[in-house]
């Protein structure tokens, strides 16, 4: 889902990428994600955190780092026993609230209903001044594209489910080990649960011209949506795809069923795709890794902005950057967060 924004006065700003309408008063549309009961008590907490991070990303994509208020929307599965509800739902709520607190805000209300599935989502609102957000429409030829989280979360989660499905596992066991899948799954969970708040703040520091968050339409879909909203005659060309290690191999082994290398694989709570001046991009990528922002932040230069007709594309043979999960041993060429603009040209 995209976000919807409203204004107390019409100042002439029109629709922006992904169905967004940018005005002074910003209200993030409800974001909802189905989640399933699990025997791992940590997973419901992560599901809550991921849902909250996903909601907040609509604000972060416009460089907004503060959220005035959050509502939590929750549906409880009718198929769960009373015992399951009592164990699982408080953990999901805790994860959502914890992530909100990490974002400097709090959950002040919401709604809970019964439903066939567990669904968790929310609404984030903020009232801000024009200098506190960045309109996503000012990319110019010569800018470069930066991505702040690796791709491949859907593949990682599916591969983890296939560990218990012999038919599915047999299709990928020649290209990946069970340990690889476990590490990739953990990395996906940490990545999805991480807020894009630091990246949003650095958008101001390094003079970002436009941005969007990567979710259900995949990297290419969101790049296309963003390109359509630019005021200048530009197009986006993606040369590099940072992907959680071994997920590209899994996608190929499955006949590219996920569309990962084509840029159409959905992501949940993905990173920000940011258009930055060429001279600022490498500095952005270096700065976001600073320990002062906490562990795990990364960024990669993945493409360029050139003169064009408001389109986006991935080159025929993009460079795959294997992003090693936390706890794995990285080779020298992996996790190259400061891929130069020249390498993307």
Protein backbone atom coordinates (compact mmCIF):
# COMPACT_ATOMS: atom_id res chain seq x y z
CA UNK A 1 0.00 0.00 0.00
CA UNK A 2 1.10 3.58 -0.54
CA UNK A 3 0.39 6.51 1.72
CA UNK A 4 -2.23 9.19 1.43
CA UNK A 5 -1.65 12.73 2.61
CA UNK A 6 -3.95 15.66 3.17
CA UNK A 7 -3.64 19.42 3.54
CA UNK A 8 -5.42 22.09 5.50
CA UNK A 9 -4.79 24.39 2.55
CA UNK A 10 -4.09 23.83 -1.13
CA UNK A 11 -0.59 25.00 -1.92
CA UNK A 12 -0.49 23.52 -5.39
CA UNK A 13 1.42 20.29 -4.83
CA UNK A 14 0.09 17.41 -6.86
CA UNK A 15 0.23 13.62 -6.75
CA UNK A 16 3.58 11.99 -6.08
CA UNK A 17 4.95 8.51 -6.61
CA UNK A 18 3.08 5.43 -5.48
CA UNK A 19 -0.25 7.17 -4.99
CA UNK A 20 1.11 9.69 -2.50
CA UNK A 21 -0.11 13.28 -2.38
CA UNK A 22 2.33 15.61 -0.67
CA UNK A 23 1.03 18.42 1.49
CA UNK A 24 1.98 20.01 4.78
CA UNK A 25 -0.23 17.73 6.87
CA UNK A 26 0.89 14.16 6.30
CA UNK A 27 -1.13 11.10 7.27
CA UNK A 28 0.25 7.68 6.52
CA UNK A 29 -2.46 5.38 5.21
CA UNK A 30 -3.04 2.16 7.16
CA UNK A 31 -0.47 -0.51 6.35
CA UNK A 32 -1.48 -4.10 7.04
CA UNK A 33 0.43 -7.36 6.88
CA UNK A 34 -0.83 -10.87 7.47
CA UNK A 35 1.26 -12.85 9.92
CA UNK A 36 0.94 -16.41 11.13
CA UNK A 37 1.17 -18.02 14.55
CA UNK A 38 4.55 -19.53 15.27
CA UNK A 39 6.20 -21.58 17.96
CA UNK A 40 9.15 -19.17 18.07
CA UNK A 41 8.28 -16.54 20.68
CA UNK A 42 10.67 -14.04 19.07
CA UNK A 43 8.92 -13.98 15.72
CA UNK A 44 5.65 -12.29 16.83
CA UNK A 45 7.71 -9.47 18.34
CA UNK A 46 9.54 -9.06 15.04
CA UNK A 47 6.24 -9.09 13.14
CA UNK A 48 5.04 -6.18 15.26
CA UNK A 49 8.28 -4.29 14.76
CA UNK A 50 8.22 -4.92 11.01
CA UNK A 51 4.65 -3.67 10.67
CA UNK A 52 5.48 -0.48 12.56
CA UNK A 53 8.67 0.10 10.56
CA UNK A 54 6.70 -0.31 7.35
CA UNK A 55 4.09 2.24 8.40
CA UNK A 56 6.71 4.82 9.39
CA UNK A 57 8.61 4.43 6.12
CA UNK A 58 6.00 6.46 4.24
CA UNK A 59 7.06 9.44 6.34
CA UNK A 60 10.77 8.62 6.22
CA UNK A 61 10.66 8.48 2.42
CA UNK A 62 9.94 12.23 2.45
CA UNK A 63 12.77 12.96 4.85
CA UNK A 64 10.42 13.31 7.81
CA UNK A 65 12.07 12.00 10.96
CA UNK A 66 9.42 12.82 13.57
CA UNK A 67 6.00 11.25 13.97
CA UNK A 68 3.40 13.01 16.13
CA UNK A 69 1.04 10.11 16.64
CA UNK A 70 0.58 6.42 15.83
CA UNK A 71 -2.47 4.20 15.82
CA UNK A 72 -2.22 0.42 15.74
CA UNK A 73 -4.68 -1.63 13.71
CA UNK A 74 -4.89 -5.27 14.75
CA UNK A 75 -7.03 -8.22 13.81
CA UNK A 76 -6.99 -11.37 15.90
CA UNK A 77 -7.43 -14.68 14.11
CA UNK A 78 -10.68 -16.49 14.83
CA UNK A 79 -8.77 -19.75 14.30
CA UNK A 80 -6.50 -19.19 17.29
CA UNK A 81 -7.21 -20.77 20.64
CA UNK A 82 -7.53 -18.56 23.70
CA UNK A 83 -4.11 -19.77 24.82
CA UNK A 84 -2.53 -18.86 21.48
CA UNK A 85 -4.10 -15.41 21.56
CA UNK A 86 -2.85 -14.77 25.08
CA UNK A 87 0.69 -15.77 24.14
CA UNK A 88 1.08 -14.35 20.64
CA UNK A 89 -0.93 -11.13 20.43
CA UNK A 90 0.80 -9.35 23.35
CA UNK A 91 4.15 -10.09 21.69
CA UNK A 92 3.02 -8.55 18.40
CA UNK A 93 1.72 -5.49 20.24
CA UNK A 94 4.98 -5.21 22.17
CA UNK A 95 7.02 -5.31 18.97
CA UNK A 96 4.89 -2.59 17.38
CA UNK A 97 5.11 -0.36 20.46
CA UNK A 98 8.85 -0.92 20.84
CA UNK A 99 9.49 0.11 17.23
CA UNK A 100 7.30 3.19 17.66
CA UNK A 101 9.36 4.20 20.69
CA UNK A 102 12.55 3.67 18.69
CA UNK A 103 11.07 6.11 16.18
CA UNK A 104 10.52 8.72 18.87
CA UNK A 105 6.76 8.34 18.97
CA UNK A 106 4.14 6.26 20.76
CA UNK A 107 0.96 4.34 20.04
CA UNK A 108 -1.98 6.29 21.43
CA UNK A 109 -4.87 4.18 20.19
CA UNK A 110 -6.18 2.04 17.39
CA UNK A 111 -8.65 -0.73 16.70
CA UNK A 112 -8.78 -4.48 17.30
CA UNK A 113 -11.15 -6.81 15.47
CA UNK A 114 -11.64 -10.53 14.81
CA UNK A 115 -10.60 -11.84 11.41
CA UNK A 116 -9.72 -15.15 9.74
CA UNK A 117 -6.05 -14.03 9.78
CA UNK A 118 -3.80 -12.09 12.08
CA UNK A 119 -3.29 -8.67 10.51
CA UNK A 120 -1.21 -5.89 12.01
CA UNK A 121 -0.83 -2.39 10.64
CA UNK A 122 -1.20 1.20 11.64
CA UNK A 123 -1.49 4.89 10.90
CA UNK A 124 1.28 7.44 11.39
CA UNK A 125 0.55 11.18 11.38
CA UNK A 126 2.66 14.30 11.56
CA UNK A 127 2.16 18.02 11.11
CA UNK A 128 5.33 19.63 9.83
CA UNK A 129 6.81 22.72 8.23
CA UNK A 130 7.79 22.78 4.53
CA UNK A 131 11.50 22.72 5.41
CA UNK A 132 11.04 19.50 7.37
CA UNK A 133 10.26 17.30 4.39
CA UNK A 134 11.62 16.72 0.91
CA UNK A 135 9.27 16.61 -2.04
CA UNK A 136 9.97 13.46 -4.11
CA UNK A 137 10.07 15.22 -7.47
CA UNK A 138 13.40 16.99 -7.95
CA UNK A 139 15.81 14.42 -9.43
CA UNK A 140 18.04 15.78 -12.18
CA UNK A 141 20.34 14.18 -14.77
CA UNK A 142 23.64 13.34 -13.12
CA UNK A 143 22.13 12.25 -9.81
CA UNK A 144 22.80 8.73 -8.59
CA UNK A 145 20.44 6.21 -7.01
CA UNK A 146 21.17 4.93 -3.51
CA UNK A 147 19.43 2.02 -1.76
CA UNK A 148 19.54 1.64 2.03
CA UNK A 149 18.49 -2.00 2.59
CA UNK A 150 19.27 -5.19 0.66
CA UNK A 151 16.69 -6.87 -1.54
CA UNK A 152 15.52 -10.47 -1.23
CA UNK A 153 13.42 -10.51 1.93
CA UNK A 154 10.55 -12.39 0.29
CA UNK A 155 12.90 -15.04 -1.07
CA UNK A 156 14.56 -15.44 2.33
CA UNK A 157 11.26 -15.91 4.14
CA UNK A 158 9.97 -18.38 1.54
CA UNK A 159 13.21 -20.36 1.58
CA UNK A 160 12.98 -20.59 5.36
CA UNK A 161 9.48 -22.04 5.08
CA UNK A 162 10.77 -24.57 2.54
CA UNK A 163 13.13 -26.08 5.10
CA UNK A 164 10.09 -28.07 6.26
CA UNK A 165 8.81 -28.80 2.75
CA UNK A 166 10.89 -31.56 1.07
CA UNK A 167 9.47 -30.94 -2.40
CA UNK A 168 10.37 -27.26 -2.28
CA UNK A 169 13.70 -27.81 -0.55
CA UNK A 170 14.83 -30.28 -3.20
CA UNK A 171 14.61 -27.50 -5.80
CA UNK A 172 17.12 -25.29 -4.03
CA UNK A 173 19.34 -27.58 -1.94
CA UNK A 174 22.04 -27.71 -4.61
CA UNK A 175 22.60 -23.94 -4.48
CA UNK A 176 22.16 -23.20 -0.79
CA UNK A 177 22.70 -24.86 2.58
CA UNK A 178 20.28 -24.93 5.48
CA UNK A 179 22.68 -22.72 7.41
CA UNK A 180 22.66 -20.21 4.53
CA UNK A 181 18.87 -20.12 4.65
CA UNK A 182 18.76 -19.66 8.42
CA UNK A 183 21.25 -16.79 8.25
CA UNK A 184 19.41 -15.17 5.34
CA UNK A 185 16.11 -15.44 7.20
CA UNK A 186 17.59 -13.80 10.29
CA UNK A 187 19.08 -11.03 8.16
CA UNK A 188 15.73 -10.46 6.45
CA UNK A 189 13.97 -10.18 9.80
CA UNK A 190 16.52 -7.71 11.17
CA UNK A 191 16.45 -5.70 7.95
CA UNK A 192 12.66 -5.48 7.79
CA UNK A 193 12.46 -4.48 11.46
CA UNK A 194 15.03 -1.69 11.09
CA UNK A 195 13.62 1.82 10.82
CA UNK A 196 14.55 4.03 7.87
CA UNK A 197 14.78 7.00 10.23
CA UNK A 198 18.55 7.44 9.96
CA UNK A 199 18.38 7.44 6.17
CA UNK A 200 15.58 10.01 6.32
CA UNK A 201 17.72 12.32 8.45
CA UNK A 202 20.72 11.96 6.15
CA UNK A 203 18.56 12.88 3.16
CA UNK A 204 18.65 16.45 4.47
CA UNK A 205 22.36 16.37 5.28
CA UNK A 206 23.30 15.26 1.77
CA UNK A 207 20.72 17.25 -0.22
CA UNK A 208 18.53 14.42 -1.51
CA UNK A 209 16.36 15.33 -4.50
CA UNK A 210 13.72 12.59 -4.22
CA UNK A 211 13.06 9.26 -2.53
CA UNK A 212 10.58 6.45 -2.07
CA UNK A 213 10.43 3.36 0.12
CA UNK A 214 10.68 -0.10 -1.42
CA UNK A 215 7.77 -2.39 -0.60
CA UNK A 216 5.20 -4.41 -2.52
CA UNK A 217 6.01 -3.30 -6.07
CA UNK A 218 9.66 -4.31 -5.82
CA UNK A 219 12.66 -2.13 -6.58
CA UNK A 220 11.72 -1.64 -10.24
CA UNK A 221 8.06 -0.88 -9.60
CA UNK A 222 8.82 1.77 -7.03
CA UNK A 223 11.61 3.23 -9.16
CA UNK A 224 9.14 3.54 -12.04
CA UNK A 225 6.56 5.21 -9.81
CA UNK A 226 9.15 7.68 -8.54
CA UNK A 227 10.48 8.43 -12.02
CA UNK A 228 6.99 9.32 -13.27
CA UNK A 229 6.69 12.07 -10.67
CA UNK A 230 9.87 13.96 -11.49
CA UNK A 231 9.56 17.53 -12.74
CA UNK A 232 12.64 17.23 -14.95
CA UNK A 233 12.85 14.98 -18.00
CA UNK A 234 14.75 12.11 -16.42
CA UNK A 235 14.91 8.33 -16.34
CA UNK A 236 16.41 5.97 -13.78
CA UNK A 237 18.84 3.22 -14.78
CA UNK A 238 19.67 0.55 -12.20
CA UNK A 239 23.03 -1.21 -12.62
CA UNK A 240 23.56 -2.87 -9.22
CA UNK A 241 21.26 -5.06 -7.11
CA UNK A 242 22.29 -5.52 -3.46
CA UNK A 243 20.70 -8.83 -2.47
CA UNK A 244 20.87 -10.90 0.71
CA UNK A 245 23.54 -13.55 0.05
CA UNK A 246 22.42 -16.68 -1.82
CA UNK A 247 18.92 -15.34 -2.51
CA UNK A 248 19.77 -14.60 -6.14
CA UNK A 249 20.89 -18.22 -6.56
CA UNK A 250 17.65 -19.46 -5.02
CA UNK A 251 15.62 -17.25 -7.33
CA UNK A 252 17.48 -18.60 -10.38
CA UNK A 253 17.05 -22.20 -9.18
CA UNK A 254 13.31 -21.59 -9.03
CA UNK A 255 13.16 -20.32 -12.59
CA UNK A 256 13.16 -16.69 -11.47
CA UNK A 257 9.65 -17.21 -10.09
CA UNK A 258 10.19 -14.41 -7.57
CA UNK A 259 11.25 -11.84 -10.15
CA UNK A 260 14.14 -10.88 -7.88
CA UNK A 261 16.69 -10.18 -10.61
CA UNK A 262 14.03 -8.43 -12.68
CA UNK A 263 13.26 -6.06 -9.80
CA UNK A 264 9.66 -7.15 -9.31
CA UNK A 265 10.02 -9.28 -6.18
CA UNK A 266 7.96 -7.65 -3.41
CA UNK A 267 9.77 -6.43 -0.34
CA UNK A 268 8.31 -5.81 3.10
CA UNK A 269 9.59 -2.77 4.99
CA UNK A 270 12.39 -2.33 2.47
CA UNK A 271 14.94 0.44 2.26
CA UNK A 272 14.73 3.91 0.82
CA UNK A 273 15.59 4.50 -2.84
CA UNK A 274 17.12 7.96 -2.84
CA UNK A 275 18.19 10.30 -5.64
CA UNK A 276 21.33 12.11 -4.50
CA UNK A 277 23.80 14.49 -6.14
CA UNK A 278 26.70 12.45 -7.51
CA UNK A 279 29.23 14.21 -5.29
CA UNK A 280 27.20 13.44 -2.16
CA UNK A 281 26.29 9.79 -2.71
CA UNK A 282 29.51 8.11 -1.56
CA UNK A 283 29.58 10.34 1.52
CA UNK A 284 25.99 9.33 2.32
CA UNK A 285 26.91 5.65 2.05
CA UNK A 286 29.92 6.10 4.31
CA UNK A 287 28.10 8.20 6.89
CA UNK A 288 25.13 5.87 7.33
CA UNK A 289 27.51 3.09 8.46
CA UNK A 290 28.85 5.22 11.31
CA UNK A 291 28.59 3.47 14.72
CA UNK A 292 26.82 6.53 16.13
CA UNK A 293 23.68 5.47 14.27
CA UNK A 294 23.72 1.94 15.65
CA UNK A 295 24.55 -1.38 14.04
CA UNK A 296 23.33 -2.64 10.70
CA UNK A 297 22.82 0.48 8.56
CA UNK A 298 24.13 0.15 5.01
CA UNK A 299 23.70 1.83 1.64
CA UNK A 300 24.73 1.15 -1.93
CA UNK A 301 24.95 3.22 -5.08
CA UNK A 302 22.82 1.20 -7.47
CA UNK A 303 22.24 3.36 -10.52
CA UNK A 304 22.08 6.73 -12.21
CA UNK A 305 19.62 9.41 -13.21
CA UNK A 306 19.90 10.40 -16.84
CA UNK A 307 17.94 12.54 -19.27
CA UNK A 308 14.83 10.65 -20.31
CA UNK A 309 11.08 10.32 -20.28
CA UNK A 310 10.12 9.49 -16.67
CA UNK A 311 10.86 5.77 -16.87
CA UNK A 312 13.01 3.34 -14.90
CA UNK A 313 14.77 0.16 -15.97
CA UNK A 314 17.30 -2.42 -14.83
CA UNK A 315 20.11 -3.18 -17.27
CA UNK A 316 20.16 -6.63 -18.88
CA UNK A 317 22.98 -7.97 -16.71
CA UNK A 318 23.00 -6.05 -13.44
CA UNK A 319 25.83 -6.55 -10.98
CA UNK A 320 24.64 -8.65 -8.03
CA UNK A 321 26.08 -7.45 -4.72
CA UNK A 322 25.94 -10.37 -2.29
CA UNK A 323 25.08 -8.85 1.09
CA UNK A 324 26.39 -11.17 3.77
CA UNK A 325 24.06 -11.75 6.74
CA UNK A 326 25.15 -10.82 10.23
CA UNK A 327 27.17 -13.69 11.63
CA UNK A 328 28.37 -14.87 8.23
CA UNK A 329 31.93 -14.45 6.96
CA UNK A 330 32.12 -11.84 4.22
CA UNK A 331 34.49 -12.04 1.29
CA UNK A 332 36.40 -8.85 0.35
CA UNK A 333 34.03 -7.93 -2.48
CA UNK A 334 30.84 -8.44 -0.48
CA UNK A 335 28.85 -5.70 1.25
CA UNK A 336 30.54 -2.97 -0.78
CA UNK A 337 28.37 -0.16 0.56
CA UNK A 338 30.18 2.59 -1.30
CA UNK A 339 30.03 1.31 -4.87
CA UNK A 340 31.25 4.30 -6.84
CA UNK A 341 29.00 6.25 -9.22
CA UNK A 342 31.41 5.27 -11.98
CA UNK A 343 30.69 1.60 -11.29
CA UNK A 344 27.03 2.33 -11.77
CA UNK A 345 27.56 4.20 -15.01
